[in-house]
Amino acid sequence: MPDVLPASETKHLTLLHHPIPCSDILLQLRQRSIGENLKPDNETLSIGATTRHVKHEGTGTTGTTLWLGAQVLACYLVSALPRVLPVPFGGRSTRGRVLELGSGTGYLSLVLASMGYTVLSTDIEPVLSTVLKPNVEAGLHQIRASANGSNGLIVVQNLDWTLDDDAIAGERFDMILMSDTIYLSDLNPHLFGTLRKVSLEGKAPMVYLALERRDSAAVDSALTIAQEMGFNLKRVAHTRVVKAVDGAGWGWDEQGWEDVEVWKGKWEGQAKKSRHRGQDGVPCEHASS
């Protein structure tokens, strides 16, 4: 099995061979690396009432390449979640049903499918057709062909957080996954608004969020928005995440990913203040959780 590199060192690769943590399954993930433009060099991006001009310098800076948060969150989820039997969409049971927002290359969705989960994997164009769909189709074939494979399911669907549509209306989920989705402040209200909309459908699902703290103020602002919308998110103890990454057997030096944080929690209907706060004034969990 090839060495597993942090995603920051693989942005230039158009085909990435990457294992599922604690598994012999080696996925082949398409990437659209930096320098491969899928759109004109300049376009206008409208987010609600905000309009801005964006210069594209290759789509490797967006959802078309693997990100470090997805790798770390995958390690944590493999260590923390049980394997399940897949439950098709449309039924009453939500056990084992997962929604991933901003799926990008589809790596996290494939990891959960390898554990038996049924995943609704979502993103927007051009990510959807250039990397997500091809990777999911190829990855599911690899998972099912493996000696330790599962019958997990993945459905790929377009979902734009900024649009108030009914793309996932009525669907219920056991959990929601997000990794590296906090990167543009104008999108944060739409992101957590989508989360809240899904959480209102029956019992609120558990939310797992991985982020890279590149800008502490921006991250804290996003988490404040989540709290104001009624989400009670707690940071998973770093020691717990270190143990999960070490358990994957990738041989990573902690310094290469120490800015990645894993958070989890649920929508509780109203903002609540935590009694215990971490070093940056945000709630955190005990190391044993």
C-alpha atoms as a PDB file:
ATOM      1  CA  MET A   1       0.000   0.000   0.000  1.00  0.00           C
ATOM      2  CA  PRO A   2       1.459   3.422  -0.939  1.00  0.00           C
ATOM      3  CA  ASP A   3       2.369   6.037   1.655  1.00  0.00           C
ATOM      4  CA  VAL A   4      -0.595   8.109   2.802  1.00  0.00           C
ATOM      5  CA  LEU A   5       0.240  11.785   2.370  1.00  0.00           C
ATOM      6  CA  PRO A   6      -1.599  14.713   3.963  1.00  0.00           C
ATOM      7  CA  ALA A   7      -3.982  16.254   1.436  1.00  0.00           C
ATOM      8  CA  SER A   8      -1.940  19.460   1.366  1.00  0.00           C
ATOM      9  CA  GLU A   9       0.780  17.485  -0.448  1.00  0.00           C
ATOM     10  CA  THR A  10      -1.481  15.886  -3.059  1.00  0.00           C
ATOM     11  CA  LYS A  11      -3.273  18.837  -4.655  1.00  0.00           C
ATOM     12  CA  HIS A  12      -1.273  18.428  -7.863  1.00  0.00           C
ATOM     13  CA  LEU A  13      -2.364  14.819  -8.444  1.00  0.00           C
ATOM     14  CA  THR A  14      -5.177  14.139 -10.906  1.00  0.00           C
ATOM     15  CA  LEU A  15      -5.536  10.556  -9.641  1.00  0.00           C
ATOM     16  CA  LEU A  16      -5.028   9.924  -5.944  1.00  0.00           C
ATOM     17  CA  HIS A  17      -4.636   6.423  -4.507  1.00  0.00           C
ATOM     18  CA  HIS A  18      -5.916   6.638  -0.954  1.00  0.00           C
ATOM     19  CA  PRO A  19      -6.828   3.934   1.589  1.00  0.00           C
ATOM     20  CA  ILE A  20      -9.842   3.802   3.847  1.00  0.00           C
ATOM     21  CA  PRO A  21      -8.593   3.966   7.472  1.00  0.00           C
ATOM     22  CA  CYS A  22      -8.050   0.562   9.106  1.00  0.00           C
ATOM     23  CA  SER A  23      -8.927  -1.201   5.855  1.00  0.00           C
ATOM     24  CA  ASP A  24      -7.227  -2.877   2.911  1.00  0.00           C
ATOM     25  CA  ILE A  25      -9.461  -0.965   0.481  1.00  0.00           C
ATOM     26  CA  LEU A  26      -7.444   1.419  -1.691  1.00  0.00           C
ATOM     27  CA  LEU A  27      -9.628   4.018  -3.384  1.00  0.00           C
ATOM     28  CA  GLN A  28      -8.713   5.751  -6.621  1.00  0.00           C
ATOM     29  CA  LEU A  29      -9.943   9.313  -6.380  1.00  0.00           C
ATOM     30  CA  ARG A  30     -10.106  11.703  -9.296  1.00  0.00           C
ATOM     31  CA  GLN A  31      -9.004  15.250  -8.547  1.00  0.00           C
ATOM     32  CA  ARG A  32      -9.086  18.383 -10.619  1.00  0.00           C
ATOM     33  CA  SER A  33      -5.761  19.796  -9.622  1.00  0.00           C
ATOM     34  CA  ILE A  34      -4.607  23.388  -9.438  1.00  0.00           C
ATOM     35  CA  GLY A  35      -4.205  24.717 -12.953  1.00  0.00           C
ATOM     36  CA  GLU A  36      -7.142  22.784 -14.423  1.00  0.00           C
ATOM     37  CA  ASN A  37      -9.862  25.351 -14.973  1.00  0.00           C
ATOM     38  CA  LEU A  38     -13.427  24.132 -15.251  1.00  0.00           C
ATOM     39  CA  LYS A  39     -14.826  27.635 -15.610  1.00  0.00           C
ATOM     40  CA  PRO A  40     -13.696  30.908 -17.149  1.00  0.00           C
ATOM     41  CA  ASP A  41     -10.927  32.714 -15.300  1.00  0.00           C
ATOM     42  CA  ASN A  42     -13.397  35.240 -13.939  1.00  0.00           C
ATOM     43  CA  GLU A  43     -17.030  34.856 -13.004  1.00  0.00           C
ATOM     44  CA  THR A  44     -19.607  36.531 -10.818  1.00  0.00           C
ATOM     45  CA  LEU A  45     -20.678  34.597  -7.746  1.00  0.00           C
ATOM     46  CA  SER A  46     -23.959  35.570  -6.109  1.00  0.00           C
ATOM     47  CA  ILE A  47     -24.615  34.567  -2.503  1.00  0.00           C
ATOM     48  CA  GLY A  48     -27.962  35.866  -1.348  1.00  0.00           C
ATOM     49  CA  ALA A  49     -27.809  39.630  -1.590  1.00  0.00           C
ATOM     50  CA  THR A  50     -24.012  39.597  -1.899  1.00  0.00           C
ATOM     51  CA  THR A  51     -22.357  39.676  -5.299  1.00  0.00           C
ATOM     52  CA  ARG A  52     -18.636  39.304  -5.709  1.00  0.00           C
ATOM     53  CA  HIS A  53     -16.191  38.682  -8.531  1.00  0.00           C
ATOM     54  CA  VAL A  54     -14.106  35.520  -8.233  1.00  0.00           C
ATOM     55  CA  LYS A  55     -10.937  34.758 -10.146  1.00  0.00           C
ATOM     56  CA  HIS A  56     -10.446  31.020 -10.663  1.00  0.00           C
ATOM     57  CA  GLU A  57      -6.852  29.863 -10.650  1.00  0.00           C
ATOM     58  CA  GLY A  58      -7.723  26.221 -11.159  1.00  0.00           C
ATOM     59  CA  THR A  59     -10.335  24.366  -9.210  1.00  0.00           C
ATOM     60  CA  GLY A  60      -7.849  22.639  -6.936  1.00  0.00           C
ATOM     61  CA  THR A  61      -8.602  25.386  -4.431  1.00  0.00           C
ATOM     62  CA  THR A  62     -12.243  24.277  -4.032  1.00  0.00           C
ATOM     63  CA  GLY A  63     -14.119  20.995  -3.644  1.00  0.00           C
ATOM     64  CA  THR A  64     -12.378  19.150  -6.460  1.00  0.00           C
ATOM     65  CA  THR A  65      -9.416  17.941  -4.391  1.00  0.00           C
ATOM     66  CA  LEU A  66      -9.134  16.064  -1.122  1.00  0.00           C
ATOM     67  CA  TRP A  67      -8.749  18.152   2.027  1.00  0.00           C
ATOM     68  CA  LEU A  68      -6.999  17.398   5.301  1.00  0.00           C
ATOM     69  CA  GLY A  69     -10.184  17.696   7.351  1.00  0.00           C
ATOM     70  CA  ALA A  70     -11.781  14.799   5.444  1.00  0.00           C
ATOM     71  CA  GLN A  71      -8.785  12.581   6.144  1.00  0.00           C
ATOM     72  CA  VAL A  72      -8.791  13.341   9.873  1.00  0.00           C
ATOM     73  CA  LEU A  73     -12.572  13.055  10.219  1.00  0.00           C
ATOM     74  CA  ALA A  74     -12.484   9.712   8.393  1.00  0.00           C
ATOM     75  CA  CYS A  75     -10.002   8.360  10.944  1.00  0.00           C
ATOM     76  CA  TYR A  76     -12.147   9.575  13.824  1.00  0.00           C
ATOM     77  CA  LEU A  77     -15.421   8.180  12.445  1.00  0.00           C
ATOM     78  CA  VAL A  78     -13.910   4.771  11.688  1.00  0.00           C
ATOM     79  CA  SER A  79     -12.717   4.592  15.285  1.00  0.00           C
ATOM     80  CA  ALA A  80     -15.942   5.929  16.830  1.00  0.00           C
ATOM     81  CA  LEU A  81     -18.842   4.499  14.798  1.00  0.00           C
ATOM     82  CA  PRO A  82     -20.108   0.924  14.519  1.00  0.00           C
ATOM     83  CA  ARG A  83     -20.569  -0.922  11.254  1.00  0.00           C
ATOM     84  CA  VAL A  84     -24.231  -1.153  10.242  1.00  0.00           C
ATOM     85  CA  LEU A  85     -26.558  -2.792   7.757  1.00  0.00           C
ATOM     86  CA  PRO A  86     -27.607  -0.358   4.995  1.00  0.00           C
ATOM     87  CA  VAL A  87     -31.102   1.172   5.140  1.00  0.00           C
ATOM     88  CA  PRO A  88     -32.495   2.455   1.796  1.00  0.00           C
ATOM     89  CA  PHE A  89     -33.876   5.981   1.506  1.00  0.00           C
ATOM     90  CA  GLY A  90     -37.627   6.376   1.652  1.00  0.00           C
ATOM     91  CA  GLY A  91     -38.160   4.120   4.672  1.00  0.00           C
ATOM     92  CA  ARG A  92     -39.162   5.179   8.170  1.00  0.00           C
ATOM     93  CA  SER A  93     -35.937   4.130   9.879  1.00  0.00           C
ATOM     94  CA  THR A  94     -33.030   6.597   9.944  1.00  0.00           C
ATOM     95  CA  ARG A  95     -30.471   4.181  11.401  1.00  0.00           C
ATOM     96  CA  GLY A  96     -27.325   4.240   9.352  1.00  0.00           C
ATOM     97  CA  ARG A  97     -28.521   7.012   7.041  1.00  0.00           C
ATOM     98  CA  VAL A  98     -26.041   9.840   6.514  1.00  0.00           C
ATOM     99  CA  LEU A  99     -26.102  13.217   4.798  1.00  0.00           C
ATOM    100  CA  GLU A 100     -22.786  14.709   3.723  1.00  0.00           C
ATOM    101  CA  LEU A 101     -22.705  18.393   2.828  1.00  0.00           C
ATOM    102  CA  GLY A 102     -19.975  19.575   0.484  1.00  0.00           C
ATOM    103  CA  SER A 103     -18.813  16.059  -0.370  1.00  0.00           C
ATOM    104  CA  GLY A 104     -16.114  17.147  -2.831  1.00  0.00           C
ATOM    105  CA  THR A 105     -14.133  14.096  -3.964  1.00  0.00           C
ATOM    106  CA  GLY A 106     -16.542  11.787  -2.120  1.00  0.00           C
ATOM    107  CA  TYR A 107     -13.871  10.302   0.146  1.00  0.00           C
ATOM    108  CA  LEU A 108     -15.856  10.602   3.392  1.00  0.00           C
ATOM    109  CA  SER A 109     -19.014   9.243   1.783  1.00  0.00           C
ATOM    110  CA  LEU A 110     -17.065   6.223   0.545  1.00  0.00           C
ATOM    111  CA  VAL A 111     -15.543   5.639   3.980  1.00  0.00           C
ATOM    112  CA  LEU A 112     -19.026   5.545   5.535  1.00  0.00           C
ATOM    113  CA  ALA A 113     -20.350   3.301   2.751  1.00  0.00           C
ATOM    114  CA  SER A 114     -17.517   0.866   3.469  1.00  0.00           C
ATOM    115  CA  MET A 115     -18.934   0.599   6.998  1.00  0.00           C
ATOM    116  CA  GLY A 116     -22.425  -0.208   5.746  1.00  0.00           C
ATOM    117  CA  TYR A 117     -23.998   3.244   5.921  1.00  0.00           C
ATOM    118  CA  THR A 118     -26.409   4.696   3.370  1.00  0.00           C
ATOM    119  CA  VAL A 119     -25.113   8.123   2.355  1.00  0.00           C
ATOM    120  CA  LEU A 120     -26.694  11.032   0.519  1.00  0.00           C
ATOM    121  CA  SER A 121     -23.578  12.674  -0.889  1.00  0.00           C
ATOM    122  CA  THR A 122     -24.148  16.282  -1.970  1.00  0.00           C
ATOM    123  CA  ASP A 123     -22.342  19.110  -3.711  1.00  0.00           C
ATOM    124  CA  ILE A 124     -22.825  21.492  -6.636  1.00  0.00           C
ATOM    125  CA  GLU A 125     -21.479  21.739 -10.167  1.00  0.00           C
ATOM    126  CA  PRO A 126     -18.810  21.472 -11.439  1.00  0.00           C
ATOM    127  CA  VAL A 127     -17.730  19.324  -8.471  1.00  0.00           C
ATOM    128  CA  LEU A 128     -20.694  16.976  -8.865  1.00  0.00           C
ATOM    129  CA  SER A 129     -19.989  15.745 -12.377  1.00  0.00           C
ATOM    130  CA  THR A 130     -16.204  16.120 -12.561  1.00  0.00           C
ATOM    131  CA  VAL A 131     -15.106  14.324  -9.378  1.00  0.00           C
ATOM    132  CA  LEU A 132     -17.933  13.330  -7.021  1.00  0.00           C
ATOM    133  CA  LYS A 133     -20.033  11.097  -9.288  1.00  0.00           C
ATOM    134  CA  PRO A 134     -17.070   9.360 -10.980  1.00  0.00           C
ATOM    135  CA  ASN A 135     -15.357   8.735  -7.630  1.00  0.00           C
ATOM    136  CA  VAL A 136     -18.502   7.357  -5.998  1.00  0.00           C
ATOM    137  CA  GLU A 137     -19.185   4.989  -8.896  1.00  0.00           C
ATOM    138  CA  ALA A 138     -15.615   3.691  -8.986  1.00  0.00           C
ATOM    139  CA  GLY A 139     -15.259   3.616  -5.207  1.00  0.00           C
ATOM    140  CA  LEU A 140     -18.416   1.606  -4.574  1.00  0.00           C
ATOM    141  CA  HIS A 141     -17.202  -0.967  -7.086  1.00  0.00           C
ATOM    142  CA  GLN A 142     -13.863  -1.208  -5.250  1.00  0.00           C
ATOM    143  CA  ILE A 143     -15.573  -1.523  -1.863  1.00  0.00           C
ATOM    144  CA  ARG A 144     -17.908  -4.304  -2.987  1.00  0.00           C
ATOM    145  CA  ALA A 145     -15.072  -6.172  -4.707  1.00  0.00           C
ATOM    146  CA  SER A 146     -12.984  -6.144  -1.536  1.00  0.00           C
ATOM    147  CA  ALA A 147     -12.822  -9.188   0.703  1.00  0.00           C
ATOM    148  CA  ASN A 148     -13.984  -7.041   3.614  1.00  0.00           C
ATOM    149  CA  GLY A 149     -16.368  -4.908   1.570  1.00  0.00           C
ATOM    150  CA  SER A 150     -19.917  -3.980   2.510  1.00  0.00           C
ATOM    151  CA  ASN A 151     -23.199  -3.265   0.792  1.00  0.00           C
ATOM    152  CA  GLY A 152     -23.274   0.370   1.836  1.00  0.00           C
ATOM    153  CA  LEU A 153     -25.099   2.714  -0.504  1.00  0.00           C
ATOM    154  CA  ILE A 154     -24.392   6.208  -1.840  1.00  0.00           C
ATOM    155  CA  VAL A 155     -26.804   8.482  -3.667  1.00  0.00           C
ATOM    156  CA  VAL A 156     -25.252  11.573  -5.262  1.00  0.00           C
ATOM    157  CA  GLN A 157     -27.383  14.713  -5.410  1.00  0.00           C
ATOM    158  CA  ASN A 158     -26.997  18.389  -6.201  1.00  0.00           C
ATOM    159  CA  LEU A 159     -27.560  20.566  -3.129  1.00  0.00           C
ATOM    160  CA  ASP A 160     -26.940  24.317  -3.084  1.00  0.00           C
ATOM    161  CA  TRP A 161     -27.040  25.732   0.460  1.00  0.00           C
ATOM    162  CA  THR A 162     -27.899  29.210  -0.844  1.00  0.00           C
ATOM    163  CA  LEU A 163     -31.138  28.080  -2.510  1.00  0.00           C
ATOM    164  CA  ASP A 164     -34.326  27.598  -0.562  1.00  0.00           C
ATOM    165  CA  ASP A 165     -35.481  24.527  -2.442  1.00  0.00           C
ATOM    166  CA  ASP A 166     -36.936  21.160  -1.503  1.00  0.00           C
ATOM    167  CA  ALA A 167     -34.029  19.011  -2.704  1.00  0.00           C
ATOM    168  CA  ILE A 168     -33.941  17.020   0.547  1.00  0.00           C
ATOM    169  CA  ALA A 169     -37.338  17.946   2.011  1.00  0.00           C
ATOM    170  CA  GLY A 170     -38.818  15.178   4.117  1.00  0.00           C
ATOM    171  CA  GLU A 171     -35.610  13.137   4.285  1.00  0.00           C
ATOM    172  CA  ARG A 172     -34.458  12.053   7.732  1.00  0.00           C
ATOM    173  CA  PHE A 173     -30.921  11.173   8.700  1.00  0.00           C
ATOM    174  CA  ASP A 174     -29.054   9.521  11.524  1.00  0.00           C
ATOM    175  CA  MET A 175     -26.088  11.858  11.135  1.00  0.00           C
ATOM    176  CA  ILE A 176     -24.709  14.727   9.051  1.00  0.00           C
ATOM    177  CA  LEU A 177     -21.068  15.057   8.009  1.00  0.00           C
ATOM    178  CA  MET A 178     -19.130  18.152   6.935  1.00  0.00           C
ATOM    179  CA  SER A 179     -15.417  18.660   6.411  1.00  0.00           C
ATOM    180  CA  ASP A 180     -13.672  21.885   5.401  1.00  0.00           C
ATOM    181  CA  THR A 181     -17.002  23.554   4.673  1.00  0.00           C
ATOM    182  CA  ILE A 182     -16.140  26.666   6.692  1.00  0.00           C
ATOM    183  CA  TYR A 183     -14.096  28.741   4.270  1.00  0.00           C
ATOM    184  CA  LEU A 184     -16.257  31.662   3.119  1.00  0.00           C
ATOM    185  CA  SER A 185     -17.995  33.815   5.731  1.00  0.00           C
ATOM    186  CA  ASP A 186     -20.938  34.678   3.454  1.00  0.00           C
ATOM    187  CA  LEU A 187     -21.770  30.983   3.138  1.00  0.00           C
ATOM    188  CA  ASN A 188     -21.855  30.182   6.860  1.00  0.00           C
ATOM    189  CA  PRO A 189     -25.463  31.320   7.501  1.00  0.00           C
ATOM    190  CA  HIS A 190     -26.596  29.258   4.493  1.00  0.00           C
ATOM    191  CA  LEU A 191     -24.598  26.229   5.624  1.00  0.00           C
ATOM    192  CA  PHE A 192     -26.012  26.177   9.135  1.00  0.00           C
ATOM    193  CA  GLY A 193     -29.436  27.152   7.811  1.00  0.00           C
ATOM    194  CA  THR A 194     -29.382  23.991   5.690  1.00  0.00           C
ATOM    195  CA  LEU A 195     -28.287  22.002   8.731  1.00  0.00           C
ATOM    196  CA  ARG A 196     -31.144  23.393  10.772  1.00  0.00           C
ATOM    197  CA  LYS A 197     -33.679  22.667   8.039  1.00  0.00           C
ATOM    198  CA  VAL A 198     -32.604  19.021   7.947  1.00  0.00           C
ATOM    199  CA  SER A 199     -32.567  18.823  11.743  1.00  0.00           C
ATOM    200  CA  LEU A 200     -36.222  19.879  11.891  1.00  0.00           C
ATOM    201  CA  GLU A 201     -37.252  16.677  10.081  1.00  0.00           C
ATOM    202  CA  GLY A 202     -37.967  14.442  13.071  1.00  0.00           C
ATOM    203  CA  LYS A 203     -35.284  13.628  15.627  1.00  0.00           C
ATOM    204  CA  ALA A 204     -32.264  15.913  15.226  1.00  0.00           C
ATOM    205  CA  PRO A 205     -29.330  13.970  13.743  1.00  0.00           C
ATOM    206  CA  MET A 206     -25.812  14.017  15.155  1.00  0.00           C
ATOM    207  CA  VAL A 207     -23.557  16.472  13.303  1.00  0.00           C
ATOM    208  CA  TYR A 208     -19.847  15.787  12.777  1.00  0.00           C
ATOM    209  CA  LEU A 209     -17.763  18.695  11.535  1.00  0.00           C
ATOM    210  CA  ALA A 210     -14.052  18.814  10.700  1.00  0.00           C
ATOM    211  CA  LEU A 211     -12.389  22.160  10.128  1.00  0.00           C
ATOM    212  CA  GLU A 212      -8.890  23.500   9.746  1.00  0.00           C
ATOM    213  CA  ARG A 213      -8.235  26.511  11.956  1.00  0.00           C
ATOM    214  CA  ARG A 214      -6.461  28.675   9.405  1.00  0.00           C
ATOM    215  CA  ASP A 215      -8.135  31.846  10.716  1.00  0.00           C
ATOM    216  CA  SER A 216      -9.297  31.583  14.336  1.00  0.00           C
ATOM    217  CA  ALA A 217     -11.534  34.636  14.146  1.00  0.00           C
ATOM    218  CA  ALA A 218     -13.323  33.303  11.065  1.00  0.00           C
ATOM    219  CA  VAL A 219     -13.791  29.866  12.607  1.00  0.00           C
ATOM    220  CA  ASP A 220     -15.093  31.296  15.882  1.00  0.00           C
ATOM    221  CA  SER A 221     -17.495  33.521  13.943  1.00  0.00           C
ATOM    222  CA  ALA A 222     -18.889  30.484  12.107  1.00  0.00           C
ATOM    223  CA  LEU A 223     -19.301  28.538  15.345  1.00  0.00           C
ATOM    224  CA  THR A 224     -21.081  31.519  16.874  1.00  0.00           C
ATOM    225  CA  ILE A 225     -23.546  31.498  13.982  1.00  0.00           C
ATOM    226  CA  ALA A 226     -24.135  27.790  14.616  1.00  0.00           C
ATOM    227  CA  GLN A 227     -24.800  28.464  18.300  1.00  0.00           C
ATOM    228  CA  GLU A 228     -27.158  31.338  17.510  1.00  0.00           C
ATOM    229  CA  MET A 229     -29.115  28.986  15.239  1.00  0.00           C
ATOM    230  CA  GLY A 230     -29.568  26.532  18.091  1.00  0.00           C
ATOM    231  CA  PHE A 231     -26.717  24.066  17.553  1.00  0.00           C
ATOM    232  CA  ASN A 232     -24.862  22.759  20.587  1.00  0.00           C
ATOM    233  CA  LEU A 233     -21.483  21.772  19.135  1.00  0.00           C
ATOM    234  CA  LYS A 234     -18.568  20.565  21.227  1.00  0.00           C
ATOM    235  CA  ARG A 235     -15.006  20.045  20.145  1.00  0.00           C
ATOM    236  CA  VAL A 236     -13.799  16.463  20.389  1.00  0.00           C
ATOM    237  CA  ALA A 237     -10.701  16.328  22.597  1.00  0.00           C
ATOM    238  CA  HIS A 238      -7.547  16.580  20.513  1.00  0.00           C
ATOM    239  CA  THR A 239      -6.036  13.582  22.312  1.00  0.00           C
ATOM    240  CA  ARG A 240      -8.995  11.498  21.143  1.00  0.00           C
ATOM    241  CA  VAL A 241      -8.476  12.561  17.533  1.00  0.00           C
ATOM    242  CA  VAL A 242      -4.714  11.911  17.765  1.00  0.00           C
ATOM    243  CA  LYS A 243      -5.452   8.378  18.942  1.00  0.00           C
ATOM    244  CA  ALA A 244      -7.779   7.838  15.967  1.00  0.00           C
ATOM    245  CA  VAL A 245      -5.261   9.133  13.419  1.00  0.00           C
ATOM    246  CA  ASP A 246      -2.483   7.043  14.948  1.00  0.00           C
ATOM    247  CA  GLY A 247      -4.786   4.030  14.842  1.00  0.00           C
ATOM    248  CA  ALA A 248      -5.171   4.370  11.077  1.00  0.00           C
ATOM    249  CA  GLY A 249      -1.543   3.307  10.730  1.00  0.00           C
ATOM    250  CA  TRP A 250      -0.592   6.090   8.347  1.00  0.00           C
ATOM    251  CA  GLY A 251       2.488   7.110  10.319  1.00  0.00           C
ATOM    252  CA  TRP A 252       1.604  10.797  10.382  1.00  0.00           C
ATOM    253  CA  ASP A 253       3.464  13.374  12.431  1.00  0.00           C
ATOM    254  CA  GLU A 254       0.931  15.303  14.497  1.00  0.00           C
ATOM    255  CA  GLN A 255       2.515  18.607  13.469  1.00  0.00           C
ATOM    256  CA  GLY A 256       1.296  18.021   9.930  1.00  0.00           C
ATOM    257  CA  TRP A 257      -2.381  18.187  10.886  1.00  0.00           C
ATOM    258  CA  GLU A 258      -2.538  19.799  14.340  1.00  0.00           C
ATOM    259  CA  ASP A 259      -4.728  22.697  13.107  1.00  0.00           C
ATOM    260  CA  VAL A 260      -7.562  20.304  12.217  1.00  0.00           C
ATOM    261  CA  GLU A 261     -10.389  20.124  14.756  1.00  0.00           C
ATOM    262  CA  VAL A 262     -13.320  17.722  14.982  1.00  0.00           C
ATOM    263  CA  TRP A 263     -16.614  18.977  16.420  1.00  0.00           C
ATOM    264  CA  LYS A 264     -19.863  17.162  17.083  1.00  0.00           C
ATOM    265  CA  GLY A 265     -23.302  17.953  18.423  1.00  0.00           C
ATOM    266  CA  LYS A 266     -26.963  18.464  17.572  1.00  0.00           C
ATOM    267  CA  TRP A 267     -29.536  21.126  16.953  1.00  0.00           C
ATOM    268  CA  GLU A 268     -31.357  21.757  20.225  1.00  0.00           C
ATOM    269  CA  GLY A 269     -33.784  24.464  19.162  1.00  0.00           C
ATOM    270  CA  GLN A 270     -32.204  27.389  20.961  1.00  0.00           C
ATOM    271  CA  ALA A 271     -28.784  28.799  21.709  1.00  0.00           C
ATOM    272  CA  LYS A 272     -27.248  27.574  24.939  1.00  0.00           C
ATOM    273  CA  LYS A 273     -24.170  28.657  26.830  1.00  0.00           C
ATOM    274  CA  SER A 274     -21.717  25.944  27.764  1.00  0.00           C
ATOM    275  CA  ARG A 275     -20.499  25.611  31.325  1.00  0.00           C
ATOM    276  CA  HIS A 276     -17.131  24.323  30.203  1.00  0.00           C
ATOM    277  CA  ARG A 277     -15.038  26.160  27.639  1.00  0.00           C
ATOM    278  CA  GLY A 278     -11.770  25.338  25.970  1.00  0.00           C
ATOM    279  CA  GLN A 279      -8.622  27.378  25.527  1.00  0.00           C
ATOM    280  CA  ASP A 280     -10.228  29.620  22.897  1.00  0.00           C
ATOM    281  CA  GLY A 281     -13.425  30.111  24.863  1.00  0.00           C
ATOM    282  CA  VAL A 282     -15.379  27.450  22.995  1.00  0.00           C
ATOM    283  CA  PRO A 283     -16.966  24.291  24.428  1.00  0.00           C
ATOM    284  CA  CYS A 284     -14.837  21.153  24.426  1.00  0.00           C
ATOM    285  CA  GLU A 285     -15.231  17.566  25.465  1.00  0.00           C
ATOM    286  CA  HIS A 286     -13.394  15.564  28.063  1.00  0.00           C
ATOM    287  CA  ALA A 287     -10.486  13.606  26.645  1.00  0.00           C
ATOM    288  CA  SER A 288     -12.228  10.286  27.165  1.00  0.00           C
ATOM    289  CA  SER A 289     -15.169  11.090  24.865  1.00  0.00           C
END
